[in-house]
């Protein structure tokens, strides 16, 4: 059983990212795969490896990419983060895992989320709704 402060959302989404070094204002951008994210951190895959090492503090911007590349990014997330580890590629892969702990609040800009929900059964209009009992 995992004992994390923040539950993780397991994903497999393409992302674009920008990593900035605060001291020099240098940045690197690229594309990767978002593996999981929470309010406390993120794990994403990238190839080739980023020029960061565990212990580095960087400014991160992540852009969720839509499946249709003609569309704009779906979401823009920003945070300052501490690079916790760089995972070597798994067998039959060349992508490195980058685990980052957020040091600042994760901010989101221009977020558009589209959900398609399908139900196998139809709910009658007189169905009761469950109220939060706080």
N, C-alpha and C. Protein backbone atom coordinates (compact mmCIF):
# COMPACT_ATOMS: atom_id res chain seq x y z
N UNK A 1 0.84 -1.19 0.00
CA UNK A 1 0.00 0.00 0.00
C UNK A 1 0.87 1.25 0.00
N UNK A 2 0.58 2.16 -0.91
CA UNK A 2 1.34 3.39 -0.98
C UNK A 2 0.85 4.37 0.09
N UNK A 3 1.80 5.09 0.65
CA UNK A 3 1.47 6.05 1.69
C UNK A 3 1.92 7.43 1.23
N UNK A 4 1.26 7.98 0.22
CA UNK A 4 1.62 9.27 -0.35
C UNK A 4 0.73 10.37 0.21
N UNK A 5 1.28 11.58 0.26
CA UNK A 5 0.49 12.73 0.71
C UNK A 5 -0.59 13.10 -0.28
N UNK A 6 -0.28 12.93 -1.57
CA UNK A 6 -1.23 13.31 -2.62
C UNK A 6 -1.46 12.11 -3.53
N UNK A 7 -2.71 11.77 -3.80
CA UNK A 7 -2.98 10.66 -4.72
C UNK A 7 -2.48 11.00 -6.13
N UNK A 8 -1.97 10.00 -6.80
CA UNK A 8 -1.44 10.20 -8.16
C UNK A 8 -2.46 9.79 -9.20
N UNK A 9 -2.49 10.53 -10.27
CA UNK A 9 -3.31 10.23 -11.42
C UNK A 9 -2.40 9.55 -12.44
N UNK A 10 -2.63 8.27 -12.70
CA UNK A 10 -1.82 7.51 -13.65
C UNK A 10 -2.31 7.82 -15.06
N UNK A 11 -1.41 8.26 -15.92
CA UNK A 11 -1.77 8.66 -17.28
C UNK A 11 -0.77 8.10 -18.29
N UNK A 12 -1.06 8.31 -19.51
CA UNK A 12 -0.17 7.97 -20.62
C UNK A 12 -0.47 8.99 -21.71
N UNK A 13 -0.09 10.26 -21.47
CA UNK A 13 -0.45 11.34 -22.37
C UNK A 13 0.79 12.01 -22.96
N UNK A 14 0.74 12.38 -24.24
CA UNK A 14 1.86 13.13 -24.81
C UNK A 14 1.87 14.55 -24.25
N UNK A 15 3.07 15.06 -23.97
CA UNK A 15 3.22 16.41 -23.45
C UNK A 15 4.37 17.11 -24.17
N UNK A 16 4.31 18.43 -24.12
CA UNK A 16 5.47 19.27 -24.45
C UNK A 16 5.91 19.86 -23.12
N UNK A 17 7.19 20.18 -23.00
CA UNK A 17 7.65 20.77 -21.75
C UNK A 17 8.74 21.80 -22.02
N UNK A 18 8.90 22.69 -21.05
CA UNK A 18 10.00 23.65 -21.02
C UNK A 18 10.59 23.58 -19.62
N UNK A 19 11.90 23.44 -19.54
CA UNK A 19 12.60 23.40 -18.26
C UNK A 19 13.55 24.60 -18.25
N UNK A 20 13.38 25.48 -17.26
CA UNK A 20 14.21 26.68 -17.16
C UNK A 20 15.09 26.62 -15.92
N UNK A 21 16.34 27.05 -16.10
CA UNK A 21 17.26 27.16 -14.98
C UNK A 21 17.17 28.60 -14.47
N UNK A 22 16.66 28.80 -13.24
CA UNK A 22 16.42 30.17 -12.75
C UNK A 22 17.67 31.06 -12.75
N UNK A 23 18.82 30.50 -12.40
CA UNK A 23 20.03 31.32 -12.26
C UNK A 23 20.51 31.88 -13.59
N UNK A 24 20.42 31.12 -14.66
CA UNK A 24 20.97 31.55 -15.95
C UNK A 24 19.92 31.91 -16.98
N UNK A 25 18.65 31.65 -16.68
CA UNK A 25 17.54 31.88 -17.61
C UNK A 25 17.66 31.03 -18.88
N UNK A 26 18.52 30.00 -18.86
CA UNK A 26 18.60 29.07 -19.98
C UNK A 26 17.42 28.11 -19.89
N UNK A 27 16.96 27.64 -21.05
CA UNK A 27 15.84 26.71 -21.04
C UNK A 27 16.04 25.65 -22.10
N UNK A 28 15.36 24.55 -21.88
CA UNK A 28 15.35 23.46 -22.85
C UNK A 28 13.90 23.01 -22.99
N UNK A 29 13.51 22.72 -24.22
CA UNK A 29 12.16 22.23 -24.42
C UNK A 29 12.21 20.91 -25.14
N UNK A 30 11.12 20.20 -25.08
CA UNK A 30 11.06 18.91 -25.74
C UNK A 30 9.68 18.31 -25.62
N UNK A 31 9.59 17.05 -25.99
CA UNK A 31 8.34 16.32 -25.92
C UNK A 31 8.57 15.03 -25.16
N UNK A 32 7.53 14.54 -24.54
CA UNK A 32 7.63 13.31 -23.77
C UNK A 32 6.26 12.72 -23.52
N UNK A 33 6.23 11.83 -22.54
CA UNK A 33 4.98 11.17 -22.14
C UNK A 33 4.78 11.39 -20.65
N UNK A 34 3.62 11.92 -20.29
CA UNK A 34 3.24 12.09 -18.89
C UNK A 34 2.81 10.74 -18.35
N UNK A 35 3.48 10.25 -17.30
CA UNK A 35 3.15 8.96 -16.71
C UNK A 35 2.21 9.11 -15.51
N UNK A 36 2.54 10.03 -14.61
CA UNK A 36 1.64 10.30 -13.49
C UNK A 36 1.88 11.70 -12.96
N UNK A 37 0.85 12.21 -12.28
CA UNK A 37 0.93 13.56 -11.73
C UNK A 37 0.06 13.63 -10.48
N UNK A 38 0.45 14.48 -9.55
CA UNK A 38 -0.34 14.77 -8.35
C UNK A 38 -0.04 16.21 -7.97
N UNK A 39 -0.67 16.69 -6.90
CA UNK A 39 -0.35 18.03 -6.43
C UNK A 39 1.09 18.09 -5.93
N UNK A 40 1.68 16.95 -5.62
CA UNK A 40 3.03 16.94 -5.06
C UNK A 40 4.13 16.74 -6.06
N UNK A 41 3.82 16.23 -7.27
CA UNK A 41 4.90 16.00 -8.23
C UNK A 41 4.43 15.38 -9.52
N UNK A 42 5.40 15.04 -10.37
CA UNK A 42 5.13 14.53 -11.70
C UNK A 42 6.22 13.54 -12.09
N UNK A 43 5.83 12.57 -12.89
CA UNK A 43 6.79 11.64 -13.51
C UNK A 43 6.49 11.67 -15.00
N UNK A 44 7.51 11.99 -15.80
CA UNK A 44 7.34 11.98 -17.25
C UNK A 44 8.53 11.31 -17.90
N UNK A 45 8.30 10.79 -19.10
CA UNK A 45 9.34 10.11 -19.87
C UNK A 45 9.82 11.03 -20.98
N UNK A 46 11.11 11.00 -21.23
CA UNK A 46 11.70 11.85 -22.26
C UNK A 46 12.92 11.15 -22.85
N UNK A 47 13.16 11.39 -24.13
CA UNK A 47 14.39 10.93 -24.76
C UNK A 47 14.87 12.00 -25.70
N UNK A 48 16.11 12.30 -25.74
CA UNK A 48 17.19 11.85 -24.87
C UNK A 48 17.01 12.45 -23.48
N UNK A 49 17.86 12.06 -22.53
CA UNK A 49 17.70 12.58 -21.16
C UNK A 49 17.91 14.09 -21.11
N UNK A 50 17.21 14.72 -20.18
CA UNK A 50 17.37 16.15 -19.96
C UNK A 50 18.70 16.42 -19.27
N UNK A 51 19.28 17.58 -19.48
CA UNK A 51 20.53 17.92 -18.77
C UNK A 51 20.25 18.40 -17.35
N UNK A 52 19.58 17.57 -16.57
CA UNK A 52 19.32 17.86 -15.16
C UNK A 52 19.76 16.65 -14.36
N UNK A 53 20.01 16.88 -13.11
CA UNK A 53 20.42 15.80 -12.21
C UNK A 53 19.60 15.88 -10.94
N UNK A 54 19.50 14.77 -10.22
CA UNK A 54 18.80 14.82 -8.93
C UNK A 54 19.38 15.93 -8.05
N UNK A 55 18.49 16.67 -7.43
CA UNK A 55 18.90 17.79 -6.58
C UNK A 55 18.78 19.15 -7.27
N UNK A 56 18.66 19.17 -8.60
CA UNK A 56 18.49 20.43 -9.32
C UNK A 56 17.09 20.99 -9.09
N UNK A 57 17.00 22.29 -8.91
CA UNK A 57 15.72 22.98 -8.82
C UNK A 57 15.53 23.75 -10.12
N UNK A 58 14.39 23.55 -10.75
CA UNK A 58 14.12 24.15 -12.05
C UNK A 58 12.67 24.64 -12.11
N UNK A 59 12.42 25.53 -13.05
CA UNK A 59 11.06 25.97 -13.36
C UNK A 59 10.56 25.08 -14.49
N UNK A 60 9.41 24.44 -14.30
CA UNK A 60 8.85 23.53 -15.28
C UNK A 60 7.54 24.07 -15.83
N UNK A 61 7.37 23.96 -17.13
CA UNK A 61 6.10 24.22 -17.79
C UNK A 61 5.75 22.97 -18.59
N UNK A 62 4.53 22.51 -18.44
CA UNK A 62 4.06 21.33 -19.16
C UNK A 62 2.82 21.71 -19.96
N UNK A 63 2.75 21.20 -21.18
CA UNK A 63 1.63 21.46 -22.06
C UNK A 63 1.08 20.12 -22.51
N UNK A 64 -0.15 19.80 -22.11
CA UNK A 64 -0.78 18.57 -22.57
C UNK A 64 -1.11 18.73 -24.03
N UNK A 65 -0.73 17.74 -24.82
CA UNK A 65 -0.93 17.83 -26.27
C UNK A 65 -2.21 17.10 -26.67
N UNK A 66 -3.01 17.71 -27.52
CA UNK A 66 -4.20 17.01 -28.01
C UNK A 66 -3.80 15.94 -29.01
N UNK A 67 -4.70 14.98 -29.21
CA UNK A 67 -4.44 13.92 -30.18
C UNK A 67 -4.34 14.48 -31.58
N UNK A 68 -5.15 15.48 -31.90
CA UNK A 68 -5.12 16.13 -33.20
C UNK A 68 -4.09 17.26 -33.13
N UNK A 69 -2.99 17.12 -33.83
CA UNK A 69 -1.90 18.09 -33.71
C UNK A 69 -2.23 19.46 -34.29
N UNK A 70 -3.37 19.63 -34.99
CA UNK A 70 -3.76 20.93 -35.51
C UNK A 70 -4.38 21.81 -34.44
N UNK A 71 -4.72 21.22 -33.29
CA UNK A 71 -5.35 21.98 -32.22
C UNK A 71 -4.29 22.59 -31.30
N UNK A 72 -4.73 23.58 -30.51
CA UNK A 72 -3.85 24.17 -29.50
C UNK A 72 -3.68 23.20 -28.34
N UNK A 73 -2.72 23.48 -27.49
CA UNK A 73 -2.52 22.65 -26.30
C UNK A 73 -3.77 22.65 -25.45
N UNK A 74 -4.03 21.53 -24.77
CA UNK A 74 -5.21 21.41 -23.92
C UNK A 74 -5.02 22.10 -22.58
N UNK A 75 -3.83 22.04 -22.01
CA UNK A 75 -3.59 22.63 -20.70
C UNK A 75 -2.15 23.05 -20.58
N UNK A 76 -1.92 24.07 -19.80
CA UNK A 76 -0.58 24.59 -19.55
C UNK A 76 -0.40 24.59 -18.03
N UNK A 77 0.53 23.78 -17.53
CA UNK A 77 0.78 23.65 -16.10
C UNK A 77 2.17 24.17 -15.80
N UNK A 78 2.33 24.91 -14.70
CA UNK A 78 3.62 25.45 -14.31
C UNK A 78 3.89 25.19 -12.85
N UNK A 79 5.18 24.96 -12.51
CA UNK A 79 5.59 24.83 -11.12
C UNK A 79 7.10 24.85 -11.03
N UNK A 80 7.59 25.27 -9.88
CA UNK A 80 9.01 25.11 -9.59
C UNK A 80 9.16 23.72 -9.00
N UNK A 81 10.19 22.99 -9.41
CA UNK A 81 10.32 21.62 -8.94
C UNK A 81 11.74 21.21 -8.64
N UNK A 82 11.85 20.24 -7.75
CA UNK A 82 13.11 19.61 -7.39
C UNK A 82 13.20 18.28 -8.12
N UNK A 83 14.25 18.09 -8.91
CA UNK A 83 14.43 16.82 -9.61
C UNK A 83 14.82 15.78 -8.56
N UNK A 84 13.95 14.79 -8.35
CA UNK A 84 14.22 13.76 -7.35
C UNK A 84 15.10 12.64 -7.90
N UNK A 85 14.80 12.22 -9.13
CA UNK A 85 15.57 11.11 -9.71
C UNK A 85 15.39 11.08 -11.22
N UNK A 86 16.35 10.43 -11.86
CA UNK A 86 16.28 10.14 -13.28
C UNK A 86 16.31 8.63 -13.40
N UNK A 87 15.23 8.05 -13.91
CA UNK A 87 15.14 6.59 -14.06
C UNK A 87 15.73 6.18 -15.41
N UNK A 88 16.57 5.16 -15.43
CA UNK A 88 17.10 4.68 -16.71
C UNK A 88 15.99 4.06 -17.55
N UNK A 89 16.21 3.97 -18.86
CA UNK A 89 15.18 3.37 -19.72
C UNK A 89 14.89 1.93 -19.34
N UNK A 90 13.62 1.55 -19.50
CA UNK A 90 13.22 0.16 -19.29
C UNK A 90 13.66 -0.65 -20.50
N UNK A 91 13.70 -1.99 -20.38
CA UNK A 91 14.08 -2.81 -21.53
C UNK A 91 13.18 -2.47 -22.74
N UNK A 92 13.76 -2.47 -23.90
CA UNK A 92 13.07 -2.17 -25.17
C UNK A 92 12.56 -0.73 -25.23
N UNK A 93 13.18 0.17 -24.51
CA UNK A 93 12.79 1.57 -24.52
C UNK A 93 14.05 2.43 -24.46
N UNK A 94 13.95 3.64 -24.95
CA UNK A 94 15.08 4.57 -24.86
C UNK A 94 14.71 5.82 -24.05
N UNK A 95 13.51 5.80 -23.43
CA UNK A 95 13.01 6.96 -22.70
C UNK A 95 13.43 6.91 -21.23
N UNK A 96 13.96 8.02 -20.75
CA UNK A 96 14.32 8.18 -19.35
C UNK A 96 13.14 8.73 -18.58
N UNK A 97 12.97 8.28 -17.33
CA UNK A 97 11.93 8.82 -16.47
C UNK A 97 12.49 9.96 -15.65
N UNK A 98 11.75 11.05 -15.58
CA UNK A 98 12.16 12.20 -14.78
C UNK A 98 11.11 12.42 -13.70
N UNK A 99 11.51 12.26 -12.44
CA UNK A 99 10.60 12.44 -11.31
C UNK A 99 10.90 13.80 -10.67
N UNK A 100 9.85 14.61 -10.54
CA UNK A 100 10.00 15.97 -10.02
C UNK A 100 9.02 16.18 -8.88
N UNK A 101 9.53 16.73 -7.78
CA UNK A 101 8.68 17.12 -6.65
C UNK A 101 8.40 18.61 -6.79
N UNK A 102 7.12 18.99 -6.75
CA UNK A 102 6.77 20.39 -6.87
C UNK A 102 7.12 21.13 -5.58
N UNK A 103 7.83 22.26 -5.73
CA UNK A 103 8.19 23.10 -4.59
C UNK A 103 7.27 24.30 -4.48
N UNK A 104 6.64 24.64 -5.57
CA UNK A 104 5.66 25.72 -5.56
C UNK A 104 4.31 25.12 -5.95
N UNK A 105 3.28 25.88 -5.75
CA UNK A 105 1.96 25.39 -6.11
C UNK A 105 1.89 25.17 -7.62
N UNK A 106 1.28 24.08 -8.00
CA UNK A 106 1.07 23.78 -9.42
C UNK A 106 -0.01 24.72 -9.93
N UNK A 107 0.33 25.52 -10.92
CA UNK A 107 -0.65 26.43 -11.48
C UNK A 107 -1.05 25.95 -12.86
N UNK A 108 -2.26 26.24 -13.22
CA UNK A 108 -2.74 25.84 -14.54
C UNK A 108 -3.33 27.04 -15.24
N UNK A 109 -3.10 27.09 -16.54
CA UNK A 109 -3.59 28.19 -17.35
C UNK A 109 -4.21 27.62 -18.60
N UNK A 110 -5.22 28.29 -19.10
CA UNK A 110 -5.85 27.91 -20.37
C UNK A 110 -6.24 26.44 -20.40
N UNK A 111 -6.90 25.98 -19.35
CA UNK A 111 -7.25 24.56 -19.27
C UNK A 111 -8.60 24.31 -19.94
N UNK A 112 -8.61 23.37 -20.84
CA UNK A 112 -9.83 22.91 -21.47
C UNK A 112 -9.84 21.41 -21.36
N UNK A 113 -10.85 20.85 -20.74
CA UNK A 113 -10.93 19.41 -20.58
C UNK A 113 -12.22 18.93 -21.22
N UNK A 114 -12.11 17.95 -22.09
CA UNK A 114 -13.28 17.37 -22.73
C UNK A 114 -13.41 15.93 -22.26
N UNK A 115 -14.55 15.60 -21.74
CA UNK A 115 -14.80 14.24 -21.27
C UNK A 115 -15.97 13.65 -22.03
N UNK A 116 -15.86 12.40 -22.37
CA UNK A 116 -16.97 11.66 -22.96
C UNK A 116 -17.36 10.58 -21.97
N UNK A 117 -18.56 10.67 -21.48
CA UNK A 117 -19.03 9.70 -20.49
C UNK A 117 -20.16 8.90 -21.12
N UNK A 118 -20.01 7.62 -21.08
CA UNK A 118 -21.08 6.77 -21.59
C UNK A 118 -21.57 5.87 -20.46
N UNK A 119 -22.84 5.62 -20.46
CA UNK A 119 -23.44 4.78 -19.44
C UNK A 119 -24.13 3.61 -20.10
N UNK A 120 -24.03 2.47 -19.45
CA UNK A 120 -24.69 1.29 -20.00
C UNK A 120 -26.18 1.27 -19.67
N UNK A 121 -26.55 2.00 -18.64
CA UNK A 121 -27.96 2.05 -18.30
C UNK A 121 -28.39 3.50 -18.23
N UNK A 122 -29.61 3.70 -18.48
CA UNK A 122 -30.15 5.04 -18.46
C UNK A 122 -30.70 5.35 -17.07
N UNK A 123 -30.41 6.54 -16.58
CA UNK A 123 -30.91 6.95 -15.27
C UNK A 123 -32.22 7.68 -15.47
N UNK A 124 -33.23 7.31 -14.71
CA UNK A 124 -34.53 7.95 -14.85
C UNK A 124 -34.46 9.37 -14.31
N UNK A 125 -35.31 10.28 -14.82
CA UNK A 125 -35.27 11.66 -14.37
C UNK A 125 -35.62 11.81 -12.89
N UNK A 126 -36.28 10.81 -12.29
CA UNK A 126 -36.65 10.91 -10.88
C UNK A 126 -35.61 10.27 -9.97
N UNK A 127 -34.44 9.92 -10.50
CA UNK A 127 -33.41 9.29 -9.67
C UNK A 127 -32.93 10.27 -8.61
N UNK A 128 -32.67 9.78 -7.42
CA UNK A 128 -32.19 10.62 -6.33
C UNK A 128 -30.70 10.90 -6.52
N UNK A 129 -30.31 12.09 -6.13
CA UNK A 129 -28.89 12.41 -6.14
C UNK A 129 -28.35 12.23 -4.74
N UNK A 130 -27.11 11.85 -4.66
CA UNK A 130 -26.48 11.63 -3.35
C UNK A 130 -25.89 12.95 -2.89
N UNK A 131 -26.28 13.37 -1.71
CA UNK A 131 -25.80 14.63 -1.15
C UNK A 131 -24.58 14.35 -0.27
N UNK A 132 -23.67 15.30 -0.26
CA UNK A 132 -22.49 15.21 0.58
C UNK A 132 -22.92 15.49 2.03
N UNK A 133 -22.66 14.56 2.92
CA UNK A 133 -23.09 14.70 4.31
C UNK A 133 -21.95 15.19 5.17
N UNK A 134 -21.68 16.47 5.14
CA UNK A 134 -20.58 17.04 5.94
C UNK A 134 -21.10 17.70 7.16
